[in-house]
C-alpha atoms as a PDB file:
ATOM      1  CA  MET A   1      -0.018   0.020   0.036  1.00  0.00           C
ATOM      2  CA  GLY A   2       1.308   3.435  -0.864  1.00  0.00           C
ATOM      3  CA  MET A   3       0.481   6.884   0.530  1.00  0.00           C
ATOM      4  CA  HIS A   4      -2.243   8.905  -1.228  1.00  0.00           C
ATOM      5  CA  VAL A   5      -0.749  11.951  -2.953  1.00  0.00           C
ATOM      6  CA  CYS A   6      -2.353  15.311  -2.566  1.00  0.00           C
ATOM      7  CA  MET A   7      -1.884  18.990  -3.432  1.00  0.00           C
ATOM      8  CA  GLY A   8       1.421  20.314  -2.081  1.00  0.00           C
ATOM      9  CA  ALA A   9       3.288  17.077  -2.583  1.00  0.00           C
ATOM     10  CA  THR A  10       7.011  17.422  -3.217  1.00  0.00           C
ATOM     11  CA  LEU A  11       8.191  16.198  -6.721  1.00  0.00           C
ATOM     12  CA  GLN A  12      11.590  15.687  -8.215  1.00  0.00           C
ATOM     13  CA  CYS A  13      12.563  15.284 -11.864  1.00  0.00           C
ATOM     14  CA  SER A  14      15.649  13.144 -12.645  1.00  0.00           C
ATOM     15  CA  PHE A  15      16.926  15.996 -14.921  1.00  0.00           C
ATOM     16  CA  GLY A  16      15.707  18.874 -12.777  1.00  0.00           C
ATOM     17  CA  ALA A  17      18.039  20.935 -10.517  1.00  0.00           C
ATOM     18  CA  ALA A  18      15.406  21.611  -7.803  1.00  0.00           C
ATOM     19  CA  PRO A  19      12.310  19.975  -6.345  1.00  0.00           C
ATOM     20  CA  SER A  20       8.837  21.228  -7.214  1.00  0.00           C
ATOM     21  CA  THR A  21       5.323  20.938  -5.766  1.00  0.00           C
ATOM     22  CA  LEU A  22       2.236  19.289  -7.148  1.00  0.00           C
ATOM     23  CA  GLY A  23      -0.823  21.398  -7.761  1.00  0.00           C
ATOM     24  CA  VAL A  24      -4.217  19.779  -7.708  1.00  0.00           C
ATOM     25  CA  LEU A  25      -7.446  21.391  -8.738  1.00  0.00           C
ATOM     26  CA  PRO A  26     -10.512  20.126  -6.755  1.00  0.00           C
ATOM     27  CA  VAL A  27     -12.247  18.640  -9.770  1.00  0.00           C
ATOM     28  CA  ALA A  28     -12.591  15.164  -8.301  1.00  0.00           C
ATOM     29  CA  GLY A  29     -14.265  16.591  -5.234  1.00  0.00           C
ATOM     30  CA  VAL A  30     -12.217  14.448  -2.788  1.00  0.00           C
ATOM     31  CA  VAL A  31      -9.971  15.862  -0.082  1.00  0.00           C
ATOM     32  CA  THR A  32      -7.318  14.159   2.072  1.00  0.00           C
ATOM     33  CA  SER A  33      -5.797  15.984   5.067  1.00  0.00           C
ATOM     34  CA  SER A  34      -7.971  18.976   4.109  1.00  0.00           C
ATOM     35  CA  VAL A  35      -6.413  19.452   0.658  1.00  0.00           C
ATOM     36  CA  PRO A  36      -7.496  18.126  -2.859  1.00  0.00           C
ATOM     37  CA  ALA A  37      -6.571  14.543  -3.518  1.00  0.00           C
ATOM     38  CA  ALA A  38      -4.685  13.715  -6.709  1.00  0.00           C
ATOM     39  CA  THR A  39      -5.439  11.351  -9.571  1.00  0.00           C
ATOM     40  CA  ILE A  40      -3.232  10.000 -12.380  1.00  0.00           C
ATOM     41  CA  MET A  41      -4.577  12.728 -14.666  1.00  0.00           C
ATOM     42  CA  ASP A  42      -3.040  15.468 -12.489  1.00  0.00           C
ATOM     43  CA  ASN A  43      -0.171  15.628 -15.050  1.00  0.00           C
ATOM     44  CA  LYS A  44      -0.656  19.034 -16.792  1.00  0.00           C
ATOM     45  CA  PRO A  45       2.449  21.226 -17.096  1.00  0.00           C
ATOM     46  CA  PHE A  46       2.199  24.507 -15.165  1.00  0.00           C
ATOM     47  CA  VAL A  47      -1.174  23.524 -13.732  1.00  0.00           C
ATOM     48  CA  ASN A  48      -0.171  20.408 -11.831  1.00  0.00           C
ATOM     49  CA  ILE A  49       3.533  19.972 -12.621  1.00  0.00           C
ATOM     50  CA  LEU A  50       5.579  23.107 -11.890  1.00  0.00           C
ATOM     51  CA  PRO A  51       9.118  23.683 -13.159  1.00  0.00           C
ATOM     52  CA  PHE A  52      12.106  21.947 -11.509  1.00  0.00           C
ATOM     53  CA  GLY A  53      14.582  24.893 -11.680  1.00  0.00           C
ATOM     54  CA  THR A  54      16.892  24.248 -14.535  1.00  0.00           C
ATOM     55  CA  CYS A  55      16.784  21.215 -16.928  1.00  0.00           C
ATOM     56  CA  ASN A  56      19.955  19.159 -17.461  1.00  0.00           C
ATOM     57  CA  SER A  57      18.635  16.998 -20.386  1.00  0.00           C
ATOM     58  CA  MET A  58      20.238  17.311 -23.800  1.00  0.00           C
ATOM     59  CA  ALA A  59      16.936  16.044 -25.188  1.00  0.00           C
ATOM     60  CA  ASN A  60      15.403  19.376 -24.241  1.00  0.00           C
ATOM     61  CA  PRO A  61      15.753  21.598 -27.367  1.00  0.00           C
ATOM     62  CA  MET A  62      16.528  24.724 -25.295  1.00  0.00           C
ATOM     63  CA  VAL A  63      19.410  22.979 -23.481  1.00  0.00           C
ATOM     64  CA  ALA A  64      20.761  21.520 -26.836  1.00  0.00           C
ATOM     65  CA  ALA A  65      20.597  24.969 -28.420  1.00  0.00           C
ATOM     66  CA  ALA A  66      22.222  26.740 -25.570  1.00  0.00           C
ATOM     67  CA  THR A  67      24.988  24.116 -25.399  1.00  0.00           C
ATOM     68  CA  ALA A  68      25.553  24.440 -29.139  1.00  0.00           C
ATOM     69  CA  ALA A  69      25.732  28.223 -28.821  1.00  0.00           C
ATOM     70  CA  ALA A  70      28.280  27.842 -26.028  1.00  0.00           C
ATOM     71  CA  LEU A  71      30.513  25.763 -28.450  1.00  0.00           C
ATOM     72  CA  GLY A  72      29.722  22.467 -26.712  1.00  0.00           C
ATOM     73  CA  ALA A  73      30.002  23.612 -23.101  1.00  0.00           C
ATOM     74  CA  PHE A  74      26.981  22.092 -21.390  1.00  0.00           C
ATOM     75  CA  THR A  75      24.471  24.840 -20.569  1.00  0.00           C
ATOM     76  CA  PRO A  76      21.379  24.030 -18.513  1.00  0.00           C
ATOM     77  CA  MET A  77      18.274  26.030 -19.263  1.00  0.00           C
ATOM     78  CA  PRO A  78      15.002  26.739 -17.417  1.00  0.00           C
ATOM     79  CA  CYS A  79      12.816  23.732 -16.899  1.00  0.00           C
ATOM     80  CA  ILE A  80       9.555  23.717 -18.925  1.00  0.00           C
ATOM     81  CA  PRO A  81       8.033  20.290 -18.201  1.00  0.00           C
ATOM     82  CA  VAL A  82       6.313  18.480 -21.035  1.00  0.00           C
ATOM     83  CA  THR A  83       4.229  15.626 -19.693  1.00  0.00           C
ATOM     84  CA  ALA A  84       1.793  14.069 -22.192  1.00  0.00           C
ATOM     85  CA  ALA A  85       0.989  10.758 -20.536  1.00  0.00           C
ATOM     86  CA  PRO A  86      -0.739  10.269 -17.132  1.00  0.00           C
ATOM     87  CA  TRP A  87       1.113   9.130 -14.004  1.00  0.00           C
ATOM     88  CA  ALA A  88       1.655   5.365 -13.852  1.00  0.00           C
ATOM     89  CA  PRO A  89       0.726   3.213 -12.155  1.00  0.00           C
ATOM     90  CA  GLY A  90      -2.268   4.567 -10.285  1.00  0.00           C
ATOM     91  CA  SER A  91      -4.171   2.789  -7.611  1.00  0.00           C
ATOM     92  CA  PRO A  92      -5.779  -0.416  -8.947  1.00  0.00           C
ATOM     93  CA  THR A  93      -8.675  -0.191  -6.555  1.00  0.00           C
ATOM     94  CA  VAL A  94      -9.332   3.491  -5.505  1.00  0.00           C
ATOM     95  CA  LEU A  95     -11.016   5.705  -8.020  1.00  0.00           C
ATOM     96  CA  LEU A  96     -11.557   9.496  -7.620  1.00  0.00           C
ATOM     97  CA  GLY A  97     -14.014  10.918 -10.142  1.00  0.00           C
ATOM     98  CA  ASN A  98     -13.591   7.732 -12.271  1.00  0.00           C
ATOM     99  CA  MET A  99      -9.776   8.141 -12.304  1.00  0.00           C
ATOM    100  CA  PRO A 100      -7.241   6.038 -10.366  1.00  0.00           C
ATOM    101  CA  ALA A 101      -5.904   7.728  -7.268  1.00  0.00           C
ATOM    102  CA  LEU A 102      -2.291   8.873  -7.412  1.00  0.00           C
ATOM    103  CA  GLN A 103       0.025   7.024  -5.027  1.00  0.00           C
ATOM    104  CA  ASP A 104       3.539   7.899  -3.961  1.00  0.00           C
ATOM    105  CA  SER A 105       5.100   5.148  -5.973  1.00  0.00           C
ATOM    106  CA  SER A 106       3.746   6.487  -9.260  1.00  0.00           C
ATOM    107  CA  LYS A 107       6.060   7.958 -11.811  1.00  0.00           C
ATOM    108  CA  LEU A 108       5.486  10.528 -14.635  1.00  0.00           C
ATOM    109  CA  ALA A 109       7.564  10.715 -17.767  1.00  0.00           C
ATOM    110  CA  CYS A 110       8.705  14.018 -19.248  1.00  0.00           C
ATOM    111  CA  ASN A 111       9.163  14.214 -23.020  1.00  0.00           C
ATOM    112  CA  TRP A 112      12.717  15.491 -22.457  1.00  0.00           C
ATOM    113  CA  GLY A 113      13.719  12.143 -20.911  1.00  0.00           C
ATOM    114  CA  GLY A 114      13.186  12.896 -17.239  1.00  0.00           C
ATOM    115  CA  VAL A 115      11.345  10.737 -14.729  1.00  0.00           C
ATOM    116  CA  ILE A 116       9.244  12.684 -12.222  1.00  0.00           C
ATOM    117  CA  GLN A 117       8.703  10.976  -8.900  1.00  0.00           C
ATOM    118  CA  VAL A 118       6.894  11.805  -5.635  1.00  0.00           C
ATOM    119  CA  VAL A 119       9.390  12.594  -2.828  1.00  0.00           C
ATOM    120  CA  VAL A 120       6.859  13.639  -0.187  1.00  0.00           C
ATOM    121  CA  PRO A 121       3.135  12.799  -0.764  1.00  0.00           C
ATOM    122  CA  GLY A 122       1.740  15.881   0.918  1.00  0.00           C
ATOM    123  CA  GLN A 123       0.042  13.980   3.756  1.00  0.00           C
ATOM    124  CA  PHE A 124       0.775  10.883   5.875  1.00  0.00           C
ATOM    125  CA  THR A 125      -2.653   9.658   7.075  1.00  0.00           C
ATOM    126  CA  SER A 126      -4.317   8.310   4.017  1.00  0.00           C
ATOM    127  CA  MET A 127      -3.128   5.114   2.207  1.00  0.00           C
ATOM    128  CA  VAL A 128      -4.330   3.653  -1.096  1.00  0.00           C
ATOM    129  CA  PRO A 129      -3.867   0.033  -2.140  1.00  0.00           C
END
């Protein structure tokens, strides 16, 4: 059983320089520890997934362009997450608004090659199987 993730959870990207927080809109109508509970569809850049400082992935076109402009000297650029797919896996048994609940073991892929994971779920009282 994992912890249920909610608004304010701490996230980290494998190519990001800093942690970020998860934003969750109250569309599912479910709260945990007095804040909106997250689902696997809380994956929208700049709505749910905020930037992680600077990006260190050469797959990111801005990093590649800046590195090329610096004559090959690696140059990180501001993080602009691009997350097209939902979090995986979600809870196999708990649904919030017909979507699987987000658990702290779920991962989210960024199109620039990073893997976003939950570091702190935002609460420690509600578990999801």
